[in-house]
N, C-alpha and C. Protein backbone atom coordinates (compact mmCIF):
# COMPACT_ATOMS: atom_id res chain seq x y z
N ASN A 1 109.52 133.62 84.90
CA ASN A 1 110.31 134.81 84.72
C ASN A 1 110.06 135.75 85.89
N GLY A 2 110.96 135.84 86.83
CA GLY A 2 110.79 136.74 87.96
C GLY A 2 109.59 136.39 88.78
N ASP A 3 108.64 137.29 88.89
CA ASP A 3 107.43 137.08 89.67
C ASP A 3 106.28 136.47 88.87
N GLU A 4 106.51 136.18 87.59
CA GLU A 4 105.45 135.63 86.75
C GLU A 4 105.32 134.13 86.97
N LEU A 5 104.08 133.67 87.21
CA LEU A 5 103.80 132.25 87.46
C LEU A 5 102.66 131.78 86.56
N TRP A 6 102.72 130.51 86.19
CA TRP A 6 101.66 129.85 85.43
C TRP A 6 101.32 128.54 86.12
N VAL A 7 100.02 128.18 86.17
CA VAL A 7 99.59 126.89 86.69
C VAL A 7 98.55 126.30 85.75
N ALA A 8 98.49 124.96 85.71
CA ALA A 8 97.50 124.24 84.91
C ALA A 8 96.73 123.33 85.83
N GLY A 9 95.43 123.15 85.56
CA GLY A 9 94.64 122.32 86.46
C GLY A 9 93.42 121.71 85.82
N ASP A 10 92.46 121.38 86.66
CA ASP A 10 91.25 120.69 86.24
C ASP A 10 90.46 121.49 85.22
N ALA A 11 89.72 120.78 84.39
CA ALA A 11 88.81 121.37 83.40
C ALA A 11 89.51 122.32 82.43
N GLY A 12 90.80 122.11 82.21
CA GLY A 12 91.54 122.94 81.26
C GLY A 12 91.92 124.30 81.79
N LEU A 13 91.80 124.49 83.10
CA LEU A 13 92.07 125.79 83.70
C LEU A 13 93.55 126.14 83.61
N ILE A 14 93.83 127.36 83.21
CA ILE A 14 95.19 127.91 83.23
C ILE A 14 95.12 129.19 84.05
N GLY A 15 95.99 129.28 85.06
CA GLY A 15 96.05 130.48 85.89
C GLY A 15 97.35 131.22 85.65
N HIS A 16 97.31 132.55 85.77
CA HIS A 16 98.47 133.38 85.48
C HIS A 16 98.60 134.46 86.55
N SER A 17 99.80 134.61 87.10
CA SER A 17 100.08 135.65 88.09
C SER A 17 101.31 136.43 87.66
N LEU A 18 101.23 137.74 87.78
CA LEU A 18 102.37 138.60 87.46
C LEU A 18 103.09 139.10 88.71
N ASP A 19 102.56 138.75 89.90
CA ASP A 19 103.13 139.29 91.13
C ASP A 19 103.46 138.20 92.15
N GLY A 20 104.05 137.11 91.67
CA GLY A 20 104.49 136.05 92.58
C GLY A 20 103.37 135.29 93.25
N GLY A 21 102.19 135.31 92.68
CA GLY A 21 101.06 134.55 93.20
C GLY A 21 100.12 135.31 94.10
N GLN A 22 100.34 136.61 94.27
CA GLN A 22 99.43 137.41 95.11
C GLN A 22 98.07 137.57 94.43
N ASN A 23 98.07 137.78 93.12
CA ASN A 23 96.84 137.94 92.35
C ASN A 23 96.90 137.01 91.14
N TRP A 24 95.76 136.46 90.80
CA TRP A 24 95.69 135.49 89.69
C TRP A 24 94.60 135.89 88.71
N SER A 25 94.85 135.62 87.45
CA SER A 25 93.80 135.74 86.44
C SER A 25 93.66 134.38 85.77
N MET A 26 92.43 134.06 85.41
CA MET A 26 92.17 132.80 84.74
C MET A 26 92.17 133.03 83.24
N VAL A 27 92.88 132.18 82.54
CA VAL A 27 93.03 132.30 81.09
C VAL A 27 92.00 131.39 80.43
N ASN A 28 91.54 131.78 79.24
CA ASN A 28 90.53 130.96 78.57
C ASN A 28 91.02 129.53 78.44
N LYS A 29 90.09 128.60 78.38
CA LYS A 29 90.42 127.19 78.44
C LYS A 29 89.80 126.43 77.29
N ALA A 30 90.59 125.63 76.63
CA ALA A 30 90.12 124.76 75.55
C ALA A 30 91.21 123.75 75.27
N PRO A 31 90.93 122.50 75.21
CA PRO A 31 89.68 121.85 75.60
C PRO A 31 89.52 121.83 77.11
N SER A 32 88.31 121.59 77.59
CA SER A 32 88.11 121.64 79.03
C SER A 32 88.31 120.25 79.63
N VAL A 33 89.57 119.88 79.77
CA VAL A 33 89.97 118.62 80.40
C VAL A 33 91.01 118.95 81.47
N PRO A 34 91.17 118.08 82.48
CA PRO A 34 92.24 118.32 83.45
C PRO A 34 93.60 118.35 82.75
N LEU A 35 94.42 119.34 83.12
CA LEU A 35 95.75 119.46 82.53
C LEU A 35 96.78 119.03 83.57
N TYR A 36 97.75 118.19 83.14
CA TYR A 36 98.76 117.65 84.05
C TYR A 36 100.13 118.28 83.86
N SER A 37 100.36 118.96 82.75
CA SER A 37 101.68 119.50 82.47
C SER A 37 101.57 120.81 81.72
N ILE A 38 102.37 121.79 82.12
CA ILE A 38 102.46 123.05 81.39
C ILE A 38 103.94 123.39 81.28
N LYS A 39 104.37 123.79 80.09
CA LYS A 39 105.77 124.13 79.85
C LYS A 39 105.87 125.45 79.12
N GLN A 40 106.83 126.26 79.55
CA GLN A 40 107.11 127.53 78.90
C GLN A 40 108.35 127.37 78.04
N LEU A 41 108.23 127.68 76.76
CA LEU A 41 109.37 127.60 75.85
C LEU A 41 110.12 128.93 75.81
N ASN A 42 109.38 130.02 75.75
CA ASN A 42 109.96 131.37 75.75
C ASN A 42 108.92 132.33 76.32
N THR A 43 109.14 133.61 76.21
CA THR A 43 108.23 134.59 76.78
C THR A 43 106.80 134.46 76.26
N ASN A 44 106.64 134.08 75.02
CA ASN A 44 105.31 134.04 74.40
C ASN A 44 104.72 132.65 74.22
N THR A 45 105.54 131.62 74.20
CA THR A 45 105.07 130.29 73.82
C THR A 45 104.99 129.34 75.01
N PHE A 46 103.78 128.82 75.24
CA PHE A 46 103.51 127.85 76.30
C PHE A 46 102.73 126.69 75.71
N TYR A 47 102.94 125.49 76.29
CA TYR A 47 102.21 124.30 75.90
C TYR A 47 101.66 123.67 77.17
N ALA A 48 100.45 123.09 77.11
CA ALA A 48 99.88 122.38 78.24
C ALA A 48 99.13 121.16 77.70
N ALA A 49 99.11 120.09 78.49
CA ALA A 49 98.45 118.86 78.06
C ALA A 49 97.95 118.09 79.27
N GLY A 50 97.04 117.12 79.01
CA GLY A 50 96.50 116.36 80.13
C GLY A 50 95.58 115.23 79.72
N PHE A 51 94.47 115.13 80.45
CA PHE A 51 93.53 114.02 80.34
C PHE A 51 93.03 113.85 78.91
N SER A 52 92.84 112.61 78.51
CA SER A 52 92.32 112.26 77.19
C SER A 52 93.12 112.90 76.06
N GLY A 53 94.40 113.17 76.31
CA GLY A 53 95.25 113.73 75.26
C GLY A 53 94.98 115.20 74.98
N GLY A 54 94.28 115.88 75.87
CA GLY A 54 94.03 117.31 75.67
C GLY A 54 95.34 118.07 75.52
N PHE A 55 95.39 119.00 74.57
CA PHE A 55 96.61 119.76 74.29
C PHE A 55 96.23 121.18 73.91
N ILE A 56 96.85 122.16 74.57
CA ILE A 56 96.63 123.55 74.21
C ILE A 56 97.97 124.27 74.14
N LYS A 57 97.99 125.33 73.33
CA LYS A 57 99.22 126.13 73.24
C LYS A 57 98.86 127.59 72.99
N THR A 58 99.80 128.44 73.38
CA THR A 58 99.69 129.86 73.12
C THR A 58 101.02 130.34 72.54
N THR A 59 100.94 131.30 71.65
CA THR A 59 102.15 131.90 71.08
C THR A 59 102.16 133.41 71.31
N ASP A 60 101.22 133.89 72.16
CA ASP A 60 101.15 135.33 72.43
C ASP A 60 101.18 135.62 73.94
N GLY A 61 101.96 134.84 74.65
CA GLY A 61 102.12 135.08 76.08
C GLY A 61 100.94 134.70 76.94
N GLY A 62 100.04 133.87 76.42
CA GLY A 62 98.92 133.37 77.20
C GLY A 62 97.61 134.10 77.00
N HIS A 63 97.57 135.07 76.11
CA HIS A 63 96.31 135.79 75.87
C HIS A 63 95.30 134.94 75.12
N ASN A 64 95.76 134.18 74.15
CA ASN A 64 94.88 133.31 73.37
C ASN A 64 95.49 131.91 73.32
N TRP A 65 94.65 130.91 73.47
CA TRP A 65 95.08 129.51 73.47
C TRP A 65 94.37 128.76 72.37
N LYS A 66 95.08 127.91 71.68
CA LYS A 66 94.51 127.05 70.65
C LYS A 66 94.47 125.64 71.22
N GLY A 67 93.31 125.00 71.14
CA GLY A 67 93.14 123.70 71.76
C GLY A 67 92.90 122.58 70.79
N GLY A 68 93.14 121.38 71.26
CA GLY A 68 92.90 120.18 70.49
C GLY A 68 93.29 118.96 71.32
N TYR A 69 93.52 117.87 70.63
CA TYR A 69 93.87 116.62 71.29
C TYR A 69 95.04 115.98 70.57
N ILE A 70 95.86 115.26 71.34
CA ILE A 70 96.95 114.48 70.76
C ILE A 70 96.38 113.10 70.47
N VAL A 71 96.10 112.83 69.21
CA VAL A 71 95.53 111.55 68.79
C VAL A 71 96.54 110.85 67.91
N VAL A 72 96.87 109.61 68.26
CA VAL A 72 97.80 108.80 67.48
C VAL A 72 97.16 107.44 67.28
N ASN A 73 97.07 107.01 66.03
CA ASN A 73 96.44 105.72 65.69
C ASN A 73 95.03 105.60 66.25
N GLY A 74 94.30 106.67 66.24
CA GLY A 74 92.91 106.66 66.69
C GLY A 74 92.73 106.63 68.19
N LYS A 75 93.82 106.75 68.96
CA LYS A 75 93.74 106.70 70.42
C LYS A 75 94.26 108.00 71.01
N SER A 76 93.71 108.32 72.18
CA SER A 76 94.09 109.58 72.82
C SER A 76 94.21 109.41 74.34
N PRO A 77 95.19 108.60 74.81
CA PRO A 77 95.34 108.45 76.26
C PRO A 77 95.88 109.72 76.90
N LYS A 78 95.78 109.76 78.21
CA LYS A 78 96.21 110.96 78.94
C LYS A 78 97.68 111.27 78.65
N VAL A 79 97.99 112.55 78.73
CA VAL A 79 99.36 113.03 78.63
C VAL A 79 99.78 113.42 80.04
N THR A 80 100.80 112.77 80.57
CA THR A 80 101.26 113.07 81.92
C THR A 80 102.28 114.20 81.93
N GLU A 81 103.08 114.31 80.86
CA GLU A 81 104.04 115.41 80.78
C GLU A 81 104.41 115.67 79.33
N ILE A 82 104.67 116.94 79.02
CA ILE A 82 105.14 117.32 77.69
C ILE A 82 106.47 118.04 77.83
N PHE A 83 107.22 118.01 76.75
CA PHE A 83 108.51 118.70 76.72
C PHE A 83 108.78 119.16 75.29
N PHE A 84 109.01 120.45 75.11
CA PHE A 84 109.33 120.98 73.79
C PHE A 84 110.78 121.46 73.78
N VAL A 85 111.53 121.06 72.76
CA VAL A 85 112.92 121.49 72.64
C VAL A 85 113.02 122.77 71.83
N ASN A 86 112.02 123.05 71.00
CA ASN A 86 111.92 124.31 70.26
C ASN A 86 110.46 124.49 69.87
N GLU A 87 110.13 125.50 69.10
CA GLU A 87 108.73 125.78 68.77
C GLU A 87 108.08 124.69 67.93
N ASN A 88 108.86 123.86 67.27
CA ASN A 88 108.30 122.81 66.42
C ASN A 88 108.38 121.41 67.01
N VAL A 89 109.49 121.09 67.66
CA VAL A 89 109.74 119.72 68.12
C VAL A 89 109.38 119.56 69.58
N GLY A 90 108.44 118.65 69.85
CA GLY A 90 108.02 118.37 71.21
C GLY A 90 107.69 116.90 71.40
N TYR A 91 107.66 116.49 72.65
CA TYR A 91 107.40 115.09 73.02
C TYR A 91 106.34 115.06 74.10
N ALA A 92 105.57 113.96 74.14
CA ALA A 92 104.54 113.77 75.16
C ALA A 92 104.70 112.39 75.77
N ALA A 93 104.80 112.33 77.10
CA ALA A 93 104.78 111.07 77.84
C ALA A 93 103.31 110.79 78.16
N ARG A 94 102.89 109.53 77.90
CA ARG A 94 101.46 109.23 77.97
C ARG A 94 101.15 107.95 78.71
N GLY A 95 99.85 107.75 78.93
CA GLY A 95 99.37 106.50 79.46
C GLY A 95 99.65 105.36 78.49
N PHE A 96 99.56 104.15 78.98
CA PHE A 96 99.81 102.93 78.20
C PHE A 96 101.24 102.88 77.69
N ASN A 97 102.17 103.57 78.38
CA ASN A 97 103.59 103.59 78.01
C ASN A 97 103.80 104.01 76.56
N GLN A 98 103.19 105.10 76.18
CA GLN A 98 103.37 105.64 74.84
C GLN A 98 104.13 106.97 74.92
N VAL A 99 105.02 107.19 73.97
CA VAL A 99 105.66 108.49 73.82
C VAL A 99 105.38 108.97 72.41
N CYS A 100 104.92 110.21 72.30
CA CYS A 100 104.60 110.80 71.00
C CYS A 100 105.52 111.98 70.73
N LYS A 101 105.65 112.29 69.44
CA LYS A 101 106.50 113.40 69.02
C LYS A 101 105.75 114.23 67.99
N THR A 102 106.00 115.54 68.03
CA THR A 102 105.50 116.44 67.01
C THR A 102 106.70 117.18 66.41
N THR A 103 106.64 117.46 65.14
CA THR A 103 107.69 118.25 64.48
C THR A 103 107.10 119.51 63.86
N ASP A 104 105.81 119.77 64.15
CA ASP A 104 105.15 120.95 63.61
C ASP A 104 104.40 121.75 64.69
N GLY A 105 105.00 121.81 65.87
CA GLY A 105 104.44 122.62 66.94
C GLY A 105 103.15 122.10 67.55
N GLY A 106 102.87 120.82 67.39
CA GLY A 106 101.69 120.22 68.00
C GLY A 106 100.51 120.04 67.08
N GLU A 107 100.66 120.40 65.81
CA GLU A 107 99.56 120.20 64.86
C GLU A 107 99.31 118.72 64.61
N THR A 108 100.38 117.95 64.43
CA THR A 108 100.27 116.50 64.23
C THR A 108 101.27 115.80 65.15
N TRP A 109 100.93 114.58 65.53
CA TRP A 109 101.74 113.78 66.45
C TRP A 109 101.89 112.38 65.90
N PHE A 110 102.99 111.72 66.24
CA PHE A 110 103.20 110.32 65.89
C PHE A 110 103.91 109.63 67.05
N ALA A 111 103.71 108.32 67.16
CA ALA A 111 104.30 107.55 68.26
C ALA A 111 105.76 107.26 67.98
N VAL A 112 106.62 107.54 68.96
CA VAL A 112 108.01 107.10 68.88
C VAL A 112 108.23 105.91 69.80
N ILE A 113 107.32 105.71 70.75
CA ILE A 113 107.19 104.45 71.49
C ILE A 113 105.71 104.13 71.42
N LYS A 114 105.38 103.04 70.75
CA LYS A 114 103.97 102.67 70.57
C LYS A 114 103.35 102.25 71.89
N ASP A 115 102.03 102.45 72.02
CA ASP A 115 101.36 102.11 73.27
C ASP A 115 101.37 100.61 73.51
N SER A 116 101.43 100.26 74.79
CA SER A 116 101.48 98.86 75.18
C SER A 116 100.09 98.30 75.42
N MET A 117 99.10 99.16 75.54
CA MET A 117 97.72 98.82 75.89
C MET A 117 97.63 98.18 77.28
N ALA A 118 98.70 98.26 78.07
CA ALA A 118 98.67 97.79 79.45
C ALA A 118 98.20 98.95 80.31
N THR A 119 97.00 98.85 80.85
CA THR A 119 96.41 99.97 81.58
C THR A 119 97.16 100.30 82.85
N ASN A 120 97.99 99.39 83.35
CA ASN A 120 98.72 99.66 84.59
C ASN A 120 100.09 100.28 84.34
N LEU A 121 100.44 100.55 83.08
CA LEU A 121 101.72 101.16 82.77
C LEU A 121 101.52 102.57 82.22
N THR A 122 102.33 103.49 82.70
CA THR A 122 102.25 104.88 82.27
C THR A 122 103.64 105.48 82.29
N PHE A 123 103.97 106.23 81.26
CA PHE A 123 105.17 107.06 81.34
C PHE A 123 104.76 108.34 82.05
N ASN A 124 105.48 108.68 83.11
CA ASN A 124 105.10 109.81 83.95
C ASN A 124 105.84 111.10 83.64
N GLY A 125 107.07 111.00 83.17
CA GLY A 125 107.86 112.20 82.94
C GLY A 125 108.73 112.08 81.72
N ILE A 126 109.05 113.22 81.12
CA ILE A 126 109.89 113.23 79.92
C ILE A 126 110.72 114.51 79.93
N SER A 127 111.97 114.38 79.52
CA SER A 127 112.85 115.54 79.46
C SER A 127 113.91 115.32 78.38
N PHE A 128 114.26 116.38 77.68
CA PHE A 128 115.27 116.31 76.63
C PHE A 128 116.35 117.33 76.89
N LEU A 129 117.59 116.95 76.61
CA LEU A 129 118.73 117.85 76.71
C LEU A 129 118.84 118.70 75.46
N ASP A 130 118.45 118.12 74.33
CA ASP A 130 118.44 118.79 73.03
C ASP A 130 117.50 117.99 72.14
N GLU A 131 117.46 118.27 70.86
CA GLU A 131 116.50 117.61 69.96
C GLU A 131 116.72 116.10 69.86
N ASN A 132 117.90 115.60 70.15
CA ASN A 132 118.20 114.17 70.01
C ASN A 132 118.27 113.40 71.31
N ASN A 133 118.73 113.99 72.38
CA ASN A 133 119.02 113.28 73.63
C ASN A 133 117.96 113.53 74.68
N GLY A 134 117.26 112.45 75.06
CA GLY A 134 116.19 112.60 76.03
C GLY A 134 115.93 111.36 76.84
N PHE A 135 115.10 111.53 77.87
CA PHE A 135 114.77 110.46 78.80
C PHE A 135 113.26 110.45 79.05
N VAL A 136 112.74 109.27 79.30
CA VAL A 136 111.35 109.12 79.71
C VAL A 136 111.35 108.16 80.91
N VAL A 137 110.51 108.48 81.92
CA VAL A 137 110.43 107.65 83.12
C VAL A 137 108.98 107.27 83.38
N GLY A 138 108.82 106.15 84.12
CA GLY A 138 107.47 105.73 84.41
C GLY A 138 107.38 104.66 85.46
N ARG A 139 106.37 103.82 85.30
CA ARG A 139 106.13 102.74 86.25
C ARG A 139 107.29 101.76 86.24
N SER A 140 107.37 100.94 87.27
CA SER A 140 108.56 100.11 87.49
C SER A 140 108.81 99.06 86.41
N GLY A 141 107.87 98.81 85.52
CA GLY A 141 108.09 97.84 84.44
C GLY A 141 109.25 98.23 83.54
N ASN A 142 109.39 99.47 83.22
CA ASN A 142 110.56 99.99 82.50
C ASN A 142 110.77 101.41 83.00
N SER A 143 111.51 101.54 84.07
CA SER A 143 111.57 102.78 84.83
C SER A 143 112.16 103.96 84.09
N MET A 144 113.23 103.77 83.30
CA MET A 144 113.83 104.89 82.59
C MET A 144 114.38 104.42 81.25
N LEU A 145 113.99 105.14 80.21
CA LEU A 145 114.50 104.87 78.88
C LEU A 145 115.20 106.12 78.36
N LYS A 146 116.18 105.90 77.45
CA LYS A 146 116.97 107.00 76.90
C LYS A 146 116.98 106.89 75.38
N THR A 147 116.96 108.06 74.72
CA THR A 147 117.15 108.11 73.27
C THR A 147 118.29 109.07 72.96
N THR A 148 119.03 108.76 71.92
CA THR A 148 120.11 109.65 71.46
C THR A 148 119.88 110.05 70.01
N ASP A 149 118.71 109.66 69.46
CA ASP A 149 118.42 109.96 68.05
C ASP A 149 117.02 110.54 67.86
N GLY A 150 116.60 111.37 68.79
CA GLY A 150 115.32 112.06 68.66
C GLY A 150 114.11 111.17 68.79
N GLY A 151 114.27 110.03 69.46
CA GLY A 151 113.13 109.14 69.70
C GLY A 151 112.99 108.00 68.72
N THR A 152 113.89 107.89 67.76
CA THR A 152 113.80 106.77 66.81
C THR A 152 114.04 105.45 67.52
N THR A 153 115.06 105.40 68.39
CA THR A 153 115.32 104.20 69.18
C THR A 153 115.44 104.60 70.65
N TRP A 154 115.13 103.64 71.53
CA TRP A 154 115.17 103.85 72.97
C TRP A 154 115.88 102.67 73.62
N SER A 155 116.64 102.94 74.68
CA SER A 155 117.30 101.85 75.41
C SER A 155 117.04 102.03 76.90
N ASN A 156 117.06 100.90 77.63
CA ASN A 156 116.86 100.93 79.08
C ASN A 156 118.08 101.55 79.76
N VAL A 157 117.83 102.51 80.63
CA VAL A 157 118.88 103.05 81.48
C VAL A 157 118.77 102.38 82.84
N VAL A 158 117.55 102.30 83.34
CA VAL A 158 117.25 101.60 84.58
C VAL A 158 116.12 100.65 84.25
N ASN A 159 116.33 99.37 84.43
CA ASN A 159 115.30 98.38 84.11
C ASN A 159 114.77 97.79 85.41
N GLY A 160 113.51 98.03 85.65
CA GLY A 160 112.87 97.46 86.84
C GLY A 160 113.46 97.97 88.13
N ALA A 161 113.49 99.27 88.33
CA ALA A 161 114.05 99.85 89.55
C ALA A 161 113.27 99.44 90.79
N GLY A 162 112.09 98.89 90.60
CA GLY A 162 111.28 98.46 91.72
C GLY A 162 110.35 99.53 92.27
N VAL A 163 110.47 100.73 91.76
CA VAL A 163 109.60 101.83 92.18
C VAL A 163 109.20 102.62 90.95
N ASP A 164 108.10 103.34 91.07
CA ASP A 164 107.70 104.23 89.98
C ASP A 164 108.58 105.47 89.98
N LEU A 165 108.97 105.91 88.80
CA LEU A 165 109.69 107.17 88.66
C LEU A 165 108.73 108.17 88.06
N ASN A 166 108.67 109.37 88.61
CA ASN A 166 107.67 110.34 88.20
C ASN A 166 108.19 111.49 87.36
N ASP A 167 109.45 111.87 87.52
CA ASP A 167 109.94 113.03 86.78
C ASP A 167 111.44 113.00 86.72
């Protein structure tokens, strides 16, 4: 928003600037894991996620953050990117080619694409046009998938593009 900037980084660090990056303040961090993705839903609500499924959110403009982990079926691989379509519905692109969804603002998560357990495959990016229509991209094994039903089913848009897609 204007000159306001947010960054996410190592050890759960969140930085905030109100003047276009001239001055920064560090926001409390929990859990303390590297964060790979931060998304702003509105003026007050932000979500961030990263290594080992670390997940944090704020609903008061970044003053206080609630932390935890995205655990599905007893596993918590890294989250490479998150995307929230509203305050309740969000998706996470993860390691092992897993995509997770929450319908309660990140309190609980479930797999909409189950993990492959292939350590060399990762979904790198995720984006939704609305609650039903979205895309996930990753390593060249299945470069881009699309859903039109909120993640219940997925189809190949680009199969084996030969390169990794990141976002």
